[in-house]
Amino acid sequence: MNLPLSEALKKHSRQTHDSVDMLVLSMEPFASIENYSKFLQAQNAFHEVLQPIYENPSLNLKIKGLNSLSRLEQVAMDMQDLHVKTMLVDEAIPSPSEFESIGWLYCSEGSNLGAAILYKEAQKIELTSTHGAKHLSAHKDGRMVHWRKFKEQLDGLELTLTQRQQALKGAEDAFAFFKRVIRQVNYAEETV
């Protein structure tokens, strides 16, 4: 029996996801505003790749409310609050296919669950949902309710085996890209 798509995505990307979590924690993003600024730069690079996915007309027909879920604007406002400059990424910017994009969305929307912990940490350095940590704020429906609804929509998608494999690849690619960007911003000497 096939796993629901959301469970298959979780299982397939678990190792890379865990390594991203460990890498983020190792950079101690909430030890200082300087460290958090680097985290914001990585978030910005990641959400810039995601923006066209959230705007994709075909995906918006398949996933209700998708175009309203992007957090790029909130990341940009957080960067503006803290006077953080955008960092140029040293690698090719991914351009996932439509079905790979489903995996990218799984990565992005799932990260909102973990953002609950990150938001609490951000408050320790005086960042809030109105200053510096807007992108970590919960969905208006609440994190768990939103996640369940999103997973239901993913699990309801009718995908061929090839399309499903592309979604799995997309999730792996999304986590791997974020991991590379985290490394780059953490070791960069200057920003643009």
N, C-alpha and C. Protein backbone atom coordinates (compact mmCIF):
# COMPACT_ATOMS: atom_id res chain seq x y z
N MET A 1 0.84 -1.20 0.00
CA MET A 1 0.00 0.00 0.00
C MET A 1 0.88 1.25 0.00
N ASN A 2 0.53 2.20 -0.83
CA ASN A 2 1.27 3.45 -0.90
C ASN A 2 0.99 4.32 0.31
N LEU A 3 2.02 4.93 0.83
CA LEU A 3 1.86 5.91 1.89
C LEU A 3 1.16 7.14 1.33
N PRO A 4 0.38 7.87 2.16
CA PRO A 4 -0.10 9.17 1.70
C PRO A 4 1.11 10.02 1.30
N LEU A 5 0.91 10.90 0.34
CA LEU A 5 2.03 11.70 -0.18
C LEU A 5 2.77 12.43 0.92
N SER A 6 2.06 13.03 1.87
CA SER A 6 2.73 13.79 2.93
C SER A 6 3.63 12.88 3.77
N GLU A 7 3.19 11.65 4.01
CA GLU A 7 4.00 10.71 4.78
C GLU A 7 5.21 10.23 3.97
N ALA A 8 4.99 10.01 2.67
CA ALA A 8 6.10 9.61 1.80
C ALA A 8 7.16 10.72 1.74
N LEU A 9 6.70 11.97 1.64
CA LEU A 9 7.63 13.11 1.62
C LEU A 9 8.42 13.18 2.92
N LYS A 10 7.74 12.98 4.03
CA LYS A 10 8.40 13.02 5.34
C LYS A 10 9.46 11.93 5.44
N LYS A 11 9.07 10.72 5.07
CA LYS A 11 9.98 9.57 5.16
C LYS A 11 11.18 9.76 4.23
N HIS A 12 10.92 10.20 3.02
CA HIS A 12 11.97 10.32 2.01
C HIS A 12 12.99 11.41 2.38
N SER A 13 12.53 12.49 3.00
CA SER A 13 13.42 13.63 3.25
C SER A 13 13.91 13.72 4.70
N ARG A 14 13.57 12.74 5.52
CA ARG A 14 13.88 12.82 6.95
C ARG A 14 15.36 13.07 7.23
N GLN A 15 16.24 12.33 6.59
CA GLN A 15 17.67 12.46 6.88
C GLN A 15 18.18 13.86 6.53
N THR A 16 17.82 14.35 5.35
CA THR A 16 18.26 15.69 4.95
C THR A 16 17.64 16.74 5.84
N HIS A 17 16.35 16.57 6.16
CA HIS A 17 15.66 17.50 7.05
C HIS A 17 16.36 17.57 8.40
N ASP A 18 16.67 16.41 8.97
CA ASP A 18 17.36 16.38 10.26
C ASP A 18 18.72 17.07 10.19
N SER A 19 19.43 16.87 9.09
CA SER A 19 20.75 17.51 8.96
C SER A 19 20.62 19.02 8.84
N VAL A 20 19.53 19.50 8.20
CA VAL A 20 19.29 20.95 8.13
C VAL A 20 19.03 21.49 9.53
N ASP A 21 18.18 20.80 10.29
CA ASP A 21 17.89 21.24 11.65
C ASP A 21 19.17 21.35 12.48
N MET A 22 20.03 20.34 12.38
CA MET A 22 21.28 20.35 13.15
C MET A 22 22.18 21.50 12.71
N LEU A 23 22.24 21.75 11.41
CA LEU A 23 23.08 22.83 10.89
C LEU A 23 22.56 24.19 11.37
N VAL A 24 21.25 24.39 11.31
CA VAL A 24 20.66 25.66 11.76
C VAL A 24 20.98 25.86 13.24
N LEU A 25 20.78 24.83 14.05
CA LEU A 25 21.07 24.95 15.48
C LEU A 25 22.55 25.25 15.73
N SER A 26 23.42 24.67 14.93
CA SER A 26 24.86 24.88 15.13
C SER A 26 25.27 26.32 14.85
N MET A 27 24.51 27.02 14.03
CA MET A 27 24.86 28.43 13.75
C MET A 27 24.28 29.37 14.80
N GLU A 28 23.57 28.82 15.76
CA GLU A 28 23.01 29.58 16.89
C GLU A 28 22.33 30.87 16.43
N PRO A 29 21.26 30.73 15.64
CA PRO A 29 20.63 31.92 15.07
C PRO A 29 20.01 32.87 16.09
N PHE A 30 19.80 32.41 17.31
CA PHE A 30 19.16 33.27 18.30
C PHE A 30 20.11 33.67 19.42
N ALA A 31 21.40 33.48 19.17
CA ALA A 31 22.40 33.92 20.15
C ALA A 31 22.64 35.42 20.05
N SER A 32 22.36 35.98 18.87
CA SER A 32 22.57 37.42 18.67
C SER A 32 21.78 37.87 17.44
N ILE A 33 21.59 39.16 17.33
CA ILE A 33 20.94 39.73 16.14
C ILE A 33 21.82 39.47 14.91
N GLU A 34 23.13 39.51 15.07
CA GLU A 34 24.03 39.23 13.95
C GLU A 34 23.82 37.81 13.40
N ASN A 35 23.74 36.83 14.29
CA ASN A 35 23.49 35.46 13.85
C ASN A 35 22.11 35.33 13.22
N TYR A 36 21.13 35.96 13.83
CA TYR A 36 19.77 35.91 13.30
C TYR A 36 19.71 36.56 11.92
N SER A 37 20.48 37.60 11.71
CA SER A 37 20.52 38.28 10.41
C SER A 37 20.98 37.32 9.32
N LYS A 38 21.95 36.48 9.63
CA LYS A 38 22.41 35.48 8.66
C LYS A 38 21.30 34.47 8.37
N PHE A 39 20.58 34.08 9.41
CA PHE A 39 19.44 33.17 9.24
C PHE A 39 18.40 33.81 8.32
N LEU A 40 18.15 35.10 8.51
CA LEU A 40 17.19 35.82 7.65
C LEU A 40 17.67 35.84 6.20
N GLN A 41 18.95 36.01 5.99
CA GLN A 41 19.48 36.01 4.62
C GLN A 41 19.23 34.66 3.95
N ALA A 42 19.43 33.59 4.71
CA ALA A 42 19.16 32.25 4.16
C ALA A 42 17.68 32.07 3.89
N GLN A 43 16.84 32.53 4.80
CA GLN A 43 15.39 32.43 4.60
C GLN A 43 14.99 33.20 3.35
N ASN A 44 15.57 34.36 3.15
CA ASN A 44 15.24 35.17 1.99
C ASN A 44 15.59 34.43 0.70
N ALA A 45 16.79 33.86 0.64
CA ALA A 45 17.20 33.12 -0.56
C ALA A 45 16.26 31.95 -0.83
N PHE A 46 15.88 31.25 0.23
CA PHE A 46 14.98 30.10 0.10
C PHE A 46 13.60 30.54 -0.39
N HIS A 47 13.06 31.57 0.23
CA HIS A 47 11.71 32.02 -0.13
C HIS A 47 11.66 32.71 -1.49
N GLU A 48 12.78 33.22 -1.96
CA GLU A 48 12.80 33.75 -3.33
C GLU A 48 12.62 32.63 -4.35
N VAL A 49 13.19 31.46 -4.08
CA VAL A 49 12.97 30.30 -4.96
C VAL A 49 11.50 29.86 -4.89
N LEU A 50 10.93 29.93 -3.70
CA LEU A 50 9.55 29.48 -3.50
C LEU A 50 8.50 30.41 -4.10
N GLN A 51 8.80 31.69 -4.21
CA GLN A 51 7.78 32.66 -4.64
C GLN A 51 7.06 32.26 -5.94
N PRO A 52 7.79 31.92 -7.01
CA PRO A 52 7.08 31.52 -8.23
C PRO A 52 6.26 30.24 -8.05
N ILE A 53 6.65 29.40 -7.12
CA ILE A 53 5.88 28.18 -6.85
C ILE A 53 4.54 28.56 -6.24
N TYR A 54 4.56 29.46 -5.27
CA TYR A 54 3.31 29.90 -4.64
C TYR A 54 2.40 30.62 -5.64
N GLU A 55 2.99 31.20 -6.67
CA GLU A 55 2.21 31.93 -7.67
C GLU A 55 1.81 31.08 -8.87
N ASN A 56 2.30 29.84 -8.95
CA ASN A 56 2.06 28.97 -10.10
C ASN A 56 0.56 28.72 -10.30
N PRO A 57 0.00 29.13 -11.45
CA PRO A 57 -1.44 29.00 -11.68
C PRO A 57 -1.94 27.55 -11.59
N SER A 58 -1.18 26.62 -12.16
CA SER A 58 -1.59 25.22 -12.14
C SER A 58 -1.64 24.67 -10.71
N LEU A 59 -0.61 24.99 -9.92
CA LEU A 59 -0.60 24.53 -8.53
C LEU A 59 -1.70 25.20 -7.71
N ASN A 60 -2.01 26.45 -8.04
CA ASN A 60 -3.08 27.15 -7.33
C ASN A 60 -4.45 26.53 -7.62
N LEU A 61 -4.60 25.88 -8.75
CA LEU A 61 -5.84 25.16 -9.03
C LEU A 61 -5.92 23.87 -8.22
N LYS A 62 -4.77 23.31 -7.89
CA LYS A 62 -4.71 22.04 -7.17
C LYS A 62 -4.69 22.20 -5.65
N ILE A 63 -4.12 23.31 -5.19
CA ILE A 63 -3.96 23.54 -3.74
C ILE A 63 -4.63 24.86 -3.40
N LYS A 64 -5.76 24.77 -2.75
CA LYS A 64 -6.57 25.94 -2.42
C LYS A 64 -5.80 26.91 -1.51
N GLY A 65 -5.84 28.18 -1.89
CA GLY A 65 -5.23 29.23 -1.07
C GLY A 65 -3.72 29.30 -1.14
N LEU A 66 -3.13 28.57 -2.07
CA LEU A 66 -1.67 28.49 -2.14
C LEU A 66 -1.03 29.87 -2.29
N ASN A 67 -1.58 30.70 -3.15
CA ASN A 67 -0.94 32.00 -3.42
C ASN A 67 -0.91 32.91 -2.20
N SER A 68 -1.66 32.60 -1.16
CA SER A 68 -1.66 33.44 0.04
C SER A 68 -0.68 32.94 1.11
N LEU A 69 0.03 31.85 0.83
CA LEU A 69 0.88 31.24 1.85
C LEU A 69 2.35 31.67 1.82
N SER A 70 2.76 32.33 0.77
CA SER A 70 4.16 32.74 0.66
C SER A 70 4.55 33.62 1.85
N ARG A 71 5.78 33.42 2.33
CA ARG A 71 6.29 34.23 3.44
C ARG A 71 7.43 35.15 3.01
N LEU A 72 7.66 35.27 1.70
CA LEU A 72 8.75 36.12 1.23
C LEU A 72 8.56 37.56 1.68
N GLU A 73 7.37 38.07 1.61
CA GLU A 73 7.12 39.46 2.02
C GLU A 73 7.43 39.66 3.50
N GLN A 74 7.05 38.69 4.33
CA GLN A 74 7.34 38.79 5.77
C GLN A 74 8.84 38.72 6.04
N VAL A 75 9.54 37.86 5.30
CA VAL A 75 11.00 37.79 5.45
C VAL A 75 11.62 39.14 5.08
N ALA A 76 11.16 39.71 3.98
CA ALA A 76 11.69 41.02 3.54
C ALA A 76 11.42 42.10 4.59
N MET A 77 10.24 42.09 5.20
CA MET A 77 9.93 43.08 6.24
C MET A 77 10.81 42.86 7.47
N ASP A 78 11.06 41.59 7.82
CA ASP A 78 11.96 41.30 8.94
C ASP A 78 13.37 41.82 8.65
N MET A 79 13.82 41.63 7.41
CA MET A 79 15.15 42.12 7.04
C MET A 79 15.19 43.65 7.10
N GLN A 80 14.13 44.27 6.67
CA GLN A 80 14.07 45.74 6.73
C GLN A 80 14.07 46.21 8.18
N ASP A 81 13.31 45.54 9.05
CA ASP A 81 13.28 45.90 10.47
C ASP A 81 14.67 45.94 11.07
N LEU A 82 15.51 44.97 10.66
CA LEU A 82 16.82 44.80 11.28
C LEU A 82 17.96 45.33 10.40
N HIS A 83 17.61 45.98 9.29
CA HIS A 83 18.60 46.55 8.36
C HIS A 83 19.56 45.48 7.84
N VAL A 84 18.99 44.32 7.46
CA VAL A 84 19.77 43.21 6.92
C VAL A 84 19.74 43.30 5.40
N LYS A 85 20.91 43.18 4.79
CA LYS A 85 21.02 43.24 3.34
C LYS A 85 20.84 41.85 2.74
N THR A 86 20.31 41.83 1.53
CA THR A 86 20.18 40.58 0.79
C THR A 86 21.56 40.07 0.43
N MET A 87 21.71 38.76 0.50
CA MET A 87 22.98 38.15 0.13
C MET A 87 22.84 37.46 -1.21
N LEU A 88 23.81 37.65 -2.07
CA LEU A 88 23.79 36.95 -3.35
C LEU A 88 24.22 35.51 -3.12
N VAL A 89 23.46 34.59 -3.69
CA VAL A 89 23.75 33.17 -3.54
C VAL A 89 24.75 32.77 -4.60
N ASP A 90 25.77 32.01 -4.20
CA ASP A 90 26.86 31.63 -5.09
C ASP A 90 26.55 30.46 -6.02
N GLU A 91 25.36 29.99 -6.02
CA GLU A 91 25.06 28.83 -6.86
C GLU A 91 23.86 29.11 -7.73
N ALA A 92 23.63 28.21 -8.67
CA ALA A 92 22.47 28.36 -9.55
C ALA A 92 21.20 28.31 -8.72
N ILE A 93 20.30 29.22 -9.02
CA ILE A 93 19.02 29.26 -8.32
C ILE A 93 18.14 28.15 -8.88
N PRO A 94 17.64 27.26 -8.04
CA PRO A 94 16.81 26.17 -8.54
C PRO A 94 15.54 26.67 -9.21
N SER A 95 15.09 25.90 -10.17
CA SER A 95 13.84 26.18 -10.85
C SER A 95 13.09 24.84 -10.95
N PRO A 96 12.44 24.45 -9.84
CA PRO A 96 11.81 23.13 -9.81
C PRO A 96 10.66 23.00 -10.81
N SER A 97 10.49 21.79 -11.31
CA SER A 97 9.34 21.50 -12.18
C SER A 97 8.06 21.60 -11.34
N GLU A 98 6.93 21.55 -12.00
CA GLU A 98 5.66 21.66 -11.28
C GLU A 98 5.53 20.61 -10.18
N PHE A 99 5.90 19.38 -10.48
CA PHE A 99 5.71 18.33 -9.48
C PHE A 99 6.83 18.29 -8.45
N GLU A 100 8.04 18.72 -8.83
CA GLU A 100 9.09 18.91 -7.83
C GLU A 100 8.68 20.02 -6.87
N SER A 101 7.96 21.00 -7.39
CA SER A 101 7.50 22.12 -6.57
C SER A 101 6.63 21.67 -5.41
N ILE A 102 5.92 20.59 -5.58
CA ILE A 102 5.09 20.06 -4.49
C ILE A 102 5.97 19.69 -3.30
N GLY A 103 7.12 19.11 -3.58
CA GLY A 103 8.07 18.79 -2.51
C GLY A 103 8.64 20.03 -1.85
N TRP A 104 8.90 21.06 -2.64
CA TRP A 104 9.36 22.33 -2.09
C TRP A 104 8.30 22.93 -1.17
N LEU A 105 7.05 22.84 -1.58
CA LEU A 105 5.96 23.36 -0.75
C LEU A 105 5.85 22.58 0.55
N TYR A 106 6.01 21.26 0.48
CA TYR A 106 5.99 20.44 1.68
C TYR A 106 7.06 20.93 2.66
N CYS A 107 8.25 21.17 2.15
CA CYS A 107 9.37 21.65 2.98
C CYS A 107 9.02 23.00 3.60
N SER A 108 8.52 23.91 2.81
CA SER A 108 8.24 25.26 3.28
C SER A 108 7.10 25.29 4.30
N GLU A 109 6.01 24.65 3.96
CA GLU A 109 4.85 24.68 4.86
C GLU A 109 5.10 23.87 6.14
N GLY A 110 5.85 22.80 6.02
CA GLY A 110 6.21 22.02 7.20
C GLY A 110 7.11 22.78 8.14
N SER A 111 7.94 23.66 7.57
CA SER A 111 8.85 24.43 8.41
C SER A 111 8.09 25.38 9.33
N ASN A 112 6.86 25.68 8.99
CA ASN A 112 6.04 26.55 9.84
C ASN A 112 5.75 25.91 11.19
N LEU A 113 5.73 24.58 11.23
CA LEU A 113 5.55 23.90 12.52
C LEU A 113 6.75 24.14 13.43
N GLY A 114 7.93 23.91 12.88
CA GLY A 114 9.15 24.13 13.65
C GLY A 114 9.37 25.59 14.00
N ALA A 115 8.74 26.47 13.23
CA ALA A 115 8.89 27.90 13.49
C ALA A 115 8.31 28.30 14.84
N ALA A 116 7.44 27.47 15.41
CA ALA A 116 6.89 27.77 16.74
C ALA A 116 8.03 27.83 17.77
N ILE A 117 8.93 26.87 17.68
CA ILE A 117 10.08 26.84 18.59
C ILE A 117 11.02 28.00 18.29
N LEU A 118 11.25 28.24 17.00
CA LEU A 118 12.14 29.33 16.60
C LEU A 118 11.58 30.68 17.05
N TYR A 119 10.27 30.84 16.96
CA TYR A 119 9.65 32.10 17.37
C TYR A 119 9.88 32.36 18.87
N LYS A 120 9.75 31.32 19.68
CA LYS A 120 10.01 31.48 21.12
C LYS A 120 11.46 31.89 21.37
N GLU A 121 12.37 31.31 20.61
CA GLU A 121 13.78 31.67 20.75
C GLU A 121 14.01 33.12 20.30
N ALA A 122 13.33 33.52 19.23
CA ALA A 122 13.48 34.88 18.71
C ALA A 122 13.04 35.91 19.76
N GLN A 123 12.04 35.57 20.53
CA GLN A 123 11.56 36.50 21.56
C GLN A 123 12.64 36.78 22.61
N LYS A 124 13.55 35.84 22.80
CA LYS A 124 14.63 36.03 23.77
C LYS A 124 15.60 37.12 23.35
N ILE A 125 15.63 37.43 22.05
CA ILE A 125 16.47 38.54 21.58
C ILE A 125 15.57 39.70 21.11
N GLU A 126 14.40 39.74 21.72
CA GLU A 126 13.45 40.86 21.56
C GLU A 126 12.90 41.02 20.15
N LEU A 127 12.72 39.89 19.45
CA LEU A 127 12.07 39.90 18.15
C LEU A 127 10.65 39.39 18.32
N THR A 128 9.73 39.97 17.57
CA THR A 128 8.31 39.64 17.75
C THR A 128 7.62 39.52 16.38
N SER A 129 6.34 39.23 16.43
CA SER A 129 5.55 39.14 15.20
C SER A 129 5.35 40.50 14.54
N THR A 130 5.73 41.56 15.23
CA THR A 130 5.63 42.90 14.64
C THR A 130 6.99 43.52 14.37
N HIS A 131 8.05 42.88 14.84
CA HIS A 131 9.40 43.42 14.62
C HIS A 131 10.42 42.29 14.52
N GLY A 132 10.86 42.01 13.30
CA GLY A 132 11.98 41.12 13.08
C GLY A 132 11.67 39.64 12.96
N ALA A 133 10.50 39.21 13.42
CA ALA A 133 10.19 37.77 13.36
C ALA A 133 8.80 37.51 12.78
N LYS A 134 8.39 38.37 11.87
CA LYS A 134 7.07 38.22 11.23
C LYS A 134 6.95 36.88 10.51
N HIS A 135 8.02 36.48 9.83
CA HIS A 135 7.96 35.25 9.03
C HIS A 135 7.88 33.99 9.89
N LEU A 136 8.16 34.12 11.18
CA LEU A 136 8.06 32.98 12.09
C LEU A 136 6.69 32.88 12.76
N SER A 137 5.85 33.86 12.51
CA SER A 137 4.52 33.89 13.13
C SER A 137 3.64 32.75 12.63
N ALA A 138 2.72 32.35 13.47
CA ALA A 138 1.80 31.26 13.12
C ALA A 138 0.81 31.69 12.04
N HIS A 139 0.33 30.73 11.29
CA HIS A 139 -0.75 30.95 10.32
C HIS A 139 -1.98 31.40 11.10
N LYS A 140 -2.84 32.19 10.47
CA LYS A 140 -4.03 32.72 11.15
C LYS A 140 -4.94 31.61 11.69
N ASP A 141 -4.92 30.44 11.08
CA ASP A 141 -5.73 29.30 11.57
C ASP A 141 -5.04 28.54 12.69
N GLY A 142 -3.80 28.90 12.99
CA GLY A 142 -2.99 28.14 13.94
C GLY A 142 -2.10 27.17 13.18
N ARG A 143 -0.95 26.88 13.73
CA ARG A 143 0.03 26.06 13.02
C ARG A 143 -0.48 24.66 12.71
N MET A 144 -1.02 23.97 13.71
CA MET A 144 -1.43 22.58 13.49
C MET A 144 -2.64 22.47 12.57
N VAL A 145 -3.60 23.35 12.74
CA VAL A 145 -4.79 23.31 11.88
C VAL A 145 -4.37 23.56 10.43
N HIS A 146 -3.54 24.57 10.23
CA HIS A 146 -3.07 24.87 8.87
C HIS A 146 -2.32 23.68 8.29
N TRP A 147 -1.41 23.09 9.07
CA TRP A 147 -0.61 21.97 8.58
C TRP A 147 -1.50 20.79 8.21
N ARG A 148 -2.48 20.47 9.05
CA ARG A 148 -3.38 19.36 8.73
C ARG A 148 -4.14 19.61 7.43
N LYS A 149 -4.64 20.83 7.26
CA LYS A 149 -5.37 21.17 6.03
C LYS A 149 -4.45 21.08 4.82
N PHE A 150 -3.23 21.57 4.96
CA PHE A 150 -2.28 21.53 3.85
C PHE A 150 -1.95 20.08 3.50
N LYS A 151 -1.67 19.25 4.50
CA LYS A 151 -1.36 17.84 4.25
C LYS A 151 -2.54 17.13 3.57
N GLU A 152 -3.75 17.44 3.99
CA GLU A 152 -4.93 16.84 3.35
C GLU A 152 -4.97 17.18 1.87
N GLN A 153 -4.63 18.42 1.55
CA GLN A 153 -4.62 18.81 0.13
C GLN A 153 -3.51 18.07 -0.63
N LEU A 154 -2.33 17.96 -0.03
CA LEU A 154 -1.25 17.20 -0.67
C LEU A 154 -1.68 15.75 -0.88
N ASP A 155 -2.23 15.16 0.16
CA ASP A 155 -2.62 13.75 0.08
C ASP A 155 -3.75 13.52 -0.91
N GLY A 156 -4.51 14.56 -1.22
CA GLY A 156 -5.62 14.45 -2.16
C GLY A 156 -5.21 14.64 -3.62
N LEU A 157 -3.95 15.02 -3.85
CA LEU A 157 -3.49 15.21 -5.22
C LEU A 157 -3.41 13.86 -5.94
N GLU A 158 -3.89 13.82 -7.15
CA GLU A 158 -3.82 12.60 -7.95
C GLU A 158 -2.57 12.67 -8.81
N LEU A 159 -1.54 11.96 -8.39
CA LEU A 159 -0.25 12.00 -9.07
C LEU A 159 0.08 10.63 -9.65
N THR A 160 0.72 10.64 -10.80
CA THR A 160 1.25 9.40 -11.35
C THR A 160 2.47 9.02 -10.51
N LEU A 161 2.97 7.83 -10.72
CA LEU A 161 4.17 7.39 -10.00
C LEU A 161 5.35 8.32 -10.32
N THR A 162 5.48 8.71 -11.59
CA THR A 162 6.57 9.62 -11.99
C THR A 162 6.42 10.98 -11.31
N GLN A 163 5.21 11.51 -11.28
CA GLN A 163 4.96 12.80 -10.63
C GLN A 163 5.24 12.72 -9.14
N ARG A 164 4.87 11.62 -8.53
CA ARG A 164 5.12 11.42 -7.10
C ARG A 164 6.63 11.38 -6.83
N GLN A 165 7.37 10.69 -7.70
CA GLN A 165 8.82 10.63 -7.55
C GLN A 165 9.44 12.03 -7.70
N GLN A 166 8.88 12.84 -8.59
CA GLN A 166 9.36 14.21 -8.76
C GLN A 166 9.10 15.02 -7.49
N ALA A 167 7.94 14.82 -6.86
CA ALA A 167 7.63 15.53 -5.60
C ALA A 167 8.62 15.13 -4.51
N LEU A 168 8.94 13.84 -4.43
CA LEU A 168 9.92 13.37 -3.44
C LEU A 168 11.29 14.01 -3.70
N LYS A 169 11.67 14.05 -4.96
CA LYS A 169 12.94 14.69 -5.32
C LYS A 169 12.91 16.17 -4.95
N GLY A 170 11.78 16.81 -5.18
CA GLY A 170 11.65 18.23 -4.86
C GLY A 170 11.86 18.52 -3.38
N ALA A 171 11.30 17.67 -2.52
CA ALA A 171 11.47 17.87 -1.08
C ALA A 171 12.95 17.74 -0.70
N GLU A 172 13.57 16.72 -1.23
CA GLU A 172 15.00 16.50 -0.96
C GLU A 172 15.83 17.70 -1.47
N ASP A 173 15.51 18.15 -2.67
CA ASP A 173 16.23 19.30 -3.26
C ASP A 173 16.03 20.57 -2.43
N ALA A 174 14.82 20.77 -1.93
CA ALA A 174 14.53 21.98 -1.15
C ALA A 174 15.35 22.00 0.14
N PHE A 175 15.34 20.89 0.87
CA PHE A 175 16.13 20.83 2.10
C PHE A 175 17.62 20.98 1.80
N ALA A 176 18.08 20.34 0.73
CA ALA A 176 19.50 20.41 0.37
C ALA A 176 19.90 21.85 -0.02
N PHE A 177 19.02 22.53 -0.76
CA PHE A 177 19.31 23.91 -1.14
C PHE A 177 19.40 24.80 0.11
N PHE A 178 18.43 24.66 1.02
CA PHE A 178 18.46 25.49 2.22
C PHE A 178 19.73 25.21 3.02
N LYS A 179 20.13 23.97 3.07
CA LYS A 179 21.35 23.61 3.79
C LYS A 179 22.57 24.30 3.18
N ARG A 180 22.66 24.30 1.86
CA ARG A 180 23.79 24.96 1.20
C ARG A 180 23.76 26.46 1.44
N VAL A 181 22.58 27.05 1.41
CA VAL A 181 22.46 28.49 1.63
C VAL A 181 22.83 28.85 3.08
N ILE A 182 22.39 28.04 4.02
CA ILE A 182 22.76 28.27 5.44
C ILE A 182 24.28 28.26 5.58
N ARG A 183 24.92 27.28 4.97
CA ARG A 183 26.39 27.23 5.04
C ARG A 183 27.01 28.48 4.43
N GLN A 184 26.48 28.89 3.29
CA GLN A 184 27.05 30.06 2.62
C GLN A 184 26.90 31.32 3.47
N VAL A 185 25.72 31.59 3.99
CA VAL A 185 25.54 32.83 4.76
C VAL A 185 26.30 32.79 6.08
N ASN A 186 26.46 31.61 6.61
CA ASN A 186 27.15 31.49 7.88
C ASN A 186 28.64 31.77 7.75
N TYR A 187 29.18 31.54 6.56
CA TYR A 187 30.63 31.72 6.38
C TYR A 187 30.97 32.89 5.48
N ALA A 188 29.96 33.65 5.05
CA ALA A 188 30.21 34.79 4.17
C ALA A 188 30.85 35.93 4.94
N GLU A 189 31.73 36.61 4.28
CA GLU A 189 32.42 37.75 4.90
C GLU A 189 31.65 39.05 4.72
N GLU A 190 30.98 39.19 3.57
CA GLU A 190 30.24 40.44 3.36
C GLU A 190 28.96 40.15 2.60
N THR A 191 28.03 41.08 2.71
CA THR A 191 26.74 40.95 2.03
C THR A 191 26.58 42.08 1.03
N VAL A 192 25.65 41.90 0.13
CA VAL A 192 25.40 42.91 -0.91
C VAL A 192 24.13 43.66 -0.58
